[in-house]
């Protein structure tokens, strides 16, 4: 995912806003925007030339609402539909 200008840019942010960016913006390749464990001081403008490669059609909260999920629901979601976005 590119630097999320809809959240807190490269300074952290909330994971559920990452799917909002994926729906309303786009995703880029790992080669153009490699994962970094720390991004403080990085700028979204550093990734402005990354070509869009993917977009999410629809996102939703596992369990139907904020705080309504469980470990079992998350396991079922992964089994049926693949990766999920999470926070700790």
N, C-alpha and C. Protein backbone atom coordinates (compact mmCIF):
# COMPACT_ATOMS: atom_id res chain seq x y z
N UNK A 1 0.85 -1.17 0.00
CA UNK A 1 0.00 0.00 0.00
C UNK A 1 0.89 1.22 0.00
N UNK A 2 0.46 2.20 -0.69
CA UNK A 2 1.21 3.45 -0.73
C UNK A 2 1.00 4.23 0.56
N UNK A 3 1.75 5.26 0.76
CA UNK A 3 1.61 6.13 1.93
C UNK A 3 0.15 6.62 1.98
N UNK A 4 -0.52 6.43 3.07
CA UNK A 4 -1.95 6.72 3.15
C UNK A 4 -2.22 8.18 3.47
N UNK A 5 -2.44 8.97 2.44
CA UNK A 5 -2.72 10.40 2.59
C UNK A 5 -4.11 10.65 3.17
N UNK A 6 -4.96 9.62 3.26
CA UNK A 6 -6.30 9.77 3.83
C UNK A 6 -6.29 9.50 5.34
N UNK A 7 -5.16 9.11 5.88
CA UNK A 7 -5.07 8.72 7.28
C UNK A 7 -4.07 9.64 7.97
N UNK A 8 -2.95 9.13 8.38
CA UNK A 8 -1.92 9.95 8.99
C UNK A 8 -0.63 9.84 8.18
N UNK A 9 -0.79 9.64 6.89
CA UNK A 9 0.36 9.57 6.00
C UNK A 9 1.33 8.49 6.42
N UNK A 10 2.59 8.86 6.54
CA UNK A 10 3.64 7.91 6.92
C UNK A 10 3.88 7.93 8.43
N UNK A 11 3.04 8.60 9.17
CA UNK A 11 3.23 8.73 10.62
C UNK A 11 2.36 7.76 11.41
N UNK A 12 1.89 6.71 10.80
CA UNK A 12 1.06 5.73 11.50
C UNK A 12 -0.38 5.83 11.03
N UNK A 13 -1.32 5.67 11.93
CA UNK A 13 -2.72 5.79 11.56
C UNK A 13 -3.52 4.56 11.96
N UNK A 14 -4.72 4.50 11.50
CA UNK A 14 -5.66 3.45 11.85
C UNK A 14 -5.80 2.46 10.70
N UNK A 15 -5.65 1.15 10.94
CA UNK A 15 -5.73 0.16 9.86
C UNK A 15 -7.02 0.19 9.08
N UNK A 16 -8.17 0.46 9.73
CA UNK A 16 -9.42 0.45 8.98
C UNK A 16 -9.47 1.57 7.95
N UNK A 17 -8.66 2.61 8.11
CA UNK A 17 -8.60 3.64 7.07
C UNK A 17 -7.75 3.20 5.88
N UNK A 18 -6.94 2.17 6.06
CA UNK A 18 -6.17 1.65 4.93
C UNK A 18 -7.09 1.03 3.89
N UNK A 19 -8.13 0.34 4.33
CA UNK A 19 -9.06 -0.22 3.35
C UNK A 19 -9.87 0.89 2.69
N UNK A 20 -10.12 1.98 3.40
CA UNK A 20 -10.80 3.13 2.80
C UNK A 20 -9.96 3.69 1.66
N UNK A 21 -8.64 3.77 1.86
CA UNK A 21 -7.75 4.22 0.79
C UNK A 21 -7.76 3.23 -0.36
N UNK A 22 -7.75 1.94 -0.05
CA UNK A 22 -7.74 0.92 -1.09
C UNK A 22 -9.02 0.96 -1.93
N UNK A 23 -10.13 1.38 -1.33
CA UNK A 23 -11.40 1.51 -2.07
C UNK A 23 -11.46 2.81 -2.86
N UNK A 24 -11.00 3.88 -2.28
CA UNK A 24 -11.16 5.20 -2.88
C UNK A 24 -9.90 5.73 -3.58
N UNK A 25 -8.82 5.05 -3.37
CA UNK A 25 -7.56 5.38 -4.04
C UNK A 25 -7.11 4.16 -4.80
N UNK A 26 -5.91 3.70 -4.50
CA UNK A 26 -5.39 2.51 -5.16
C UNK A 26 -4.22 1.93 -4.38
N UNK A 27 -3.83 0.73 -4.73
CA UNK A 27 -2.67 0.06 -4.17
C UNK A 27 -1.55 0.09 -5.20
N UNK A 28 -0.31 0.00 -4.72
CA UNK A 28 0.85 0.03 -5.60
C UNK A 28 1.73 -1.19 -5.32
N UNK A 29 2.76 -1.37 -6.12
CA UNK A 29 3.64 -2.53 -5.95
C UNK A 29 4.60 -2.35 -4.79
N UNK A 30 5.07 -3.46 -4.28
CA UNK A 30 6.08 -3.48 -3.22
C UNK A 30 7.39 -2.86 -3.73
N UNK A 31 7.67 -3.02 -5.02
CA UNK A 31 8.89 -2.45 -5.59
C UNK A 31 8.88 -0.93 -5.55
N UNK A 32 7.73 -0.33 -5.79
CA UNK A 32 7.64 1.13 -5.80
C UNK A 32 7.54 1.71 -4.38
N UNK A 33 6.84 1.01 -3.51
CA UNK A 33 6.65 1.49 -2.13
C UNK A 33 6.93 0.33 -1.17
N UNK A 34 8.21 0.00 -0.97
CA UNK A 34 8.54 -1.15 -0.12
C UNK A 34 8.11 -0.96 1.33
N UNK A 35 7.75 -2.09 1.96
CA UNK A 35 7.36 -2.05 3.37
C UNK A 35 8.53 -1.55 4.20
N UNK A 36 8.23 -0.69 5.16
CA UNK A 36 9.22 -0.20 6.11
C UNK A 36 8.64 -0.34 7.50
N UNK A 37 9.42 -0.80 8.44
CA UNK A 37 8.91 -0.96 9.80
C UNK A 37 8.73 0.38 10.50
N UNK A 38 9.43 1.40 10.06
CA UNK A 38 9.29 2.73 10.62
C UNK A 38 9.26 3.73 9.47
N UNK A 39 8.28 4.62 9.48
CA UNK A 39 8.14 5.58 8.38
C UNK A 39 8.14 7.03 8.85
N UNK A 40 8.42 7.26 10.11
CA UNK A 40 8.42 8.63 10.63
C UNK A 40 9.40 9.47 9.82
N UNK A 41 8.94 10.61 9.35
CA UNK A 41 9.76 11.50 8.56
C UNK A 41 9.65 11.26 7.06
N UNK A 42 9.07 10.13 6.66
CA UNK A 42 8.85 9.86 5.24
C UNK A 42 7.69 10.73 4.76
N UNK A 43 7.58 10.92 3.47
CA UNK A 43 6.52 11.77 2.92
C UNK A 43 5.74 11.02 1.85
N UNK A 44 4.43 11.25 1.80
CA UNK A 44 3.60 10.62 0.76
C UNK A 44 4.07 11.03 -0.63
N UNK A 45 4.61 12.22 -0.76
CA UNK A 45 5.07 12.68 -2.07
C UNK A 45 6.19 11.80 -2.63
N UNK A 46 6.89 11.06 -1.76
CA UNK A 46 7.95 10.15 -2.23
C UNK A 46 7.38 9.02 -3.08
N UNK A 47 6.08 8.79 -3.00
CA UNK A 47 5.45 7.68 -3.71
C UNK A 47 4.46 8.16 -4.77
N UNK A 48 4.49 9.44 -5.08
CA UNK A 48 3.55 10.03 -6.03
C UNK A 48 3.65 9.44 -7.43
N UNK A 49 4.81 8.93 -7.78
CA UNK A 49 5.00 8.37 -9.14
C UNK A 49 4.71 6.88 -9.21
N UNK A 50 4.25 6.28 -8.13
CA UNK A 50 3.90 4.86 -8.13
C UNK A 50 2.64 4.65 -8.96
N UNK A 51 2.71 3.73 -9.90
CA UNK A 51 1.55 3.42 -10.73
C UNK A 51 0.51 2.64 -9.94
N UNK A 52 -0.78 2.94 -10.12
CA UNK A 52 -1.82 2.15 -9.47
C UNK A 52 -1.87 0.75 -10.09
N UNK A 53 -1.95 -0.27 -9.24
CA UNK A 53 -2.00 -1.65 -9.75
C UNK A 53 -3.22 -2.42 -9.27
N UNK A 54 -3.87 -1.94 -8.23
CA UNK A 54 -5.01 -2.68 -7.69
C UNK A 54 -5.92 -1.74 -6.93
N UNK A 55 -7.16 -2.17 -6.78
CA UNK A 55 -8.15 -1.39 -6.04
C UNK A 55 -9.10 -2.37 -5.36
N UNK A 56 -9.61 -2.03 -4.21
CA UNK A 56 -10.57 -2.85 -3.48
C UNK A 56 -11.98 -2.37 -3.84
N UNK A 57 -12.86 -3.29 -4.20
CA UNK A 57 -14.23 -2.91 -4.55
C UNK A 57 -15.06 -2.59 -3.32
N UNK A 58 -14.93 -3.41 -2.27
CA UNK A 58 -15.76 -3.22 -1.08
C UNK A 58 -15.04 -3.79 0.13
N UNK A 59 -15.08 -3.06 1.22
CA UNK A 59 -14.55 -3.56 2.48
C UNK A 59 -15.69 -3.61 3.50
N UNK A 60 -15.47 -4.33 4.57
CA UNK A 60 -16.49 -4.46 5.61
C UNK A 60 -15.82 -4.89 6.90
N UNK A 61 -16.49 -4.72 7.99
CA UNK A 61 -15.98 -5.12 9.30
C UNK A 61 -16.35 -6.57 9.54
N UNK A 62 -15.38 -7.39 9.88
CA UNK A 62 -15.65 -8.79 10.21
C UNK A 62 -16.54 -8.82 11.45
N UNK A 63 -17.66 -9.48 11.37
CA UNK A 63 -18.63 -9.51 12.46
C UNK A 63 -19.73 -8.48 12.27
N UNK A 64 -19.57 -7.59 11.28
CA UNK A 64 -20.62 -6.64 10.94
C UNK A 64 -20.52 -5.27 11.57
N UNK A 65 -19.70 -5.07 12.57
CA UNK A 65 -19.58 -3.77 13.21
C UNK A 65 -18.34 -3.66 14.05
N UNK A 66 -17.98 -2.45 14.38
CA UNK A 66 -16.79 -2.19 15.18
C UNK A 66 -16.89 -2.90 16.52
N UNK A 67 -15.93 -3.75 16.83
CA UNK A 67 -15.91 -4.48 18.10
C UNK A 67 -16.76 -5.73 18.12
N UNK A 68 -17.38 -6.09 17.00
CA UNK A 68 -18.29 -7.25 16.97
C UNK A 68 -17.61 -8.51 16.45
N UNK A 69 -16.31 -8.50 16.31
CA UNK A 69 -15.62 -9.68 15.79
C UNK A 69 -15.09 -10.54 16.92
N UNK A 70 -14.61 -11.69 16.55
CA UNK A 70 -13.98 -12.61 17.50
C UNK A 70 -12.87 -13.33 16.75
N UNK A 71 -12.04 -14.03 17.48
CA UNK A 71 -10.96 -14.79 16.85
C UNK A 71 -11.54 -15.83 15.88
N UNK A 72 -12.62 -16.48 16.27
CA UNK A 72 -13.25 -17.49 15.43
C UNK A 72 -13.80 -16.86 14.14
N UNK A 73 -14.45 -15.70 14.24
CA UNK A 73 -14.97 -15.02 13.05
C UNK A 73 -13.83 -14.61 12.11
N UNK A 74 -12.72 -14.16 12.69
CA UNK A 74 -11.58 -13.77 11.87
C UNK A 74 -10.98 -14.98 11.16
N UNK A 75 -10.89 -16.12 11.85
CA UNK A 75 -10.37 -17.34 11.23
C UNK A 75 -11.26 -17.78 10.07
N UNK A 76 -12.58 -17.72 10.26
CA UNK A 76 -13.51 -18.07 9.19
C UNK A 76 -13.36 -17.13 8.00
N UNK A 77 -13.22 -15.86 8.27
CA UNK A 77 -13.06 -14.86 7.21
C UNK A 77 -11.80 -15.14 6.38
N UNK A 78 -10.71 -15.42 7.05
CA UNK A 78 -9.46 -15.73 6.35
C UNK A 78 -9.60 -16.99 5.52
N UNK A 79 -10.25 -18.00 6.07
CA UNK A 79 -10.45 -19.25 5.34
C UNK A 79 -11.31 -19.03 4.09
N UNK A 80 -12.37 -18.26 4.22
CA UNK A 80 -13.30 -18.06 3.09
C UNK A 80 -12.84 -17.02 2.08
N UNK A 81 -12.23 -15.94 2.55
CA UNK A 81 -11.98 -14.81 1.66
C UNK A 81 -10.54 -14.33 1.60
N UNK A 82 -9.65 -14.90 2.40
CA UNK A 82 -8.25 -14.47 2.34
C UNK A 82 -7.89 -13.48 3.42
N UNK A 83 -6.82 -12.73 3.21
CA UNK A 83 -6.26 -11.85 4.24
C UNK A 83 -7.25 -10.82 4.79
N UNK A 84 -7.04 -10.47 6.05
CA UNK A 84 -7.83 -9.42 6.68
C UNK A 84 -6.90 -8.33 7.16
N UNK A 85 -7.43 -7.16 7.36
CA UNK A 85 -6.68 -6.02 7.87
C UNK A 85 -6.92 -5.95 9.38
N UNK A 86 -5.87 -5.82 10.18
CA UNK A 86 -6.06 -5.84 11.62
C UNK A 86 -5.23 -4.82 12.36
N UNK A 87 -5.51 -4.72 13.63
CA UNK A 87 -4.82 -3.81 14.53
C UNK A 87 -4.64 -4.55 15.84
N UNK A 88 -3.73 -4.08 16.65
CA UNK A 88 -3.56 -4.68 17.98
C UNK A 88 -3.53 -3.62 19.03
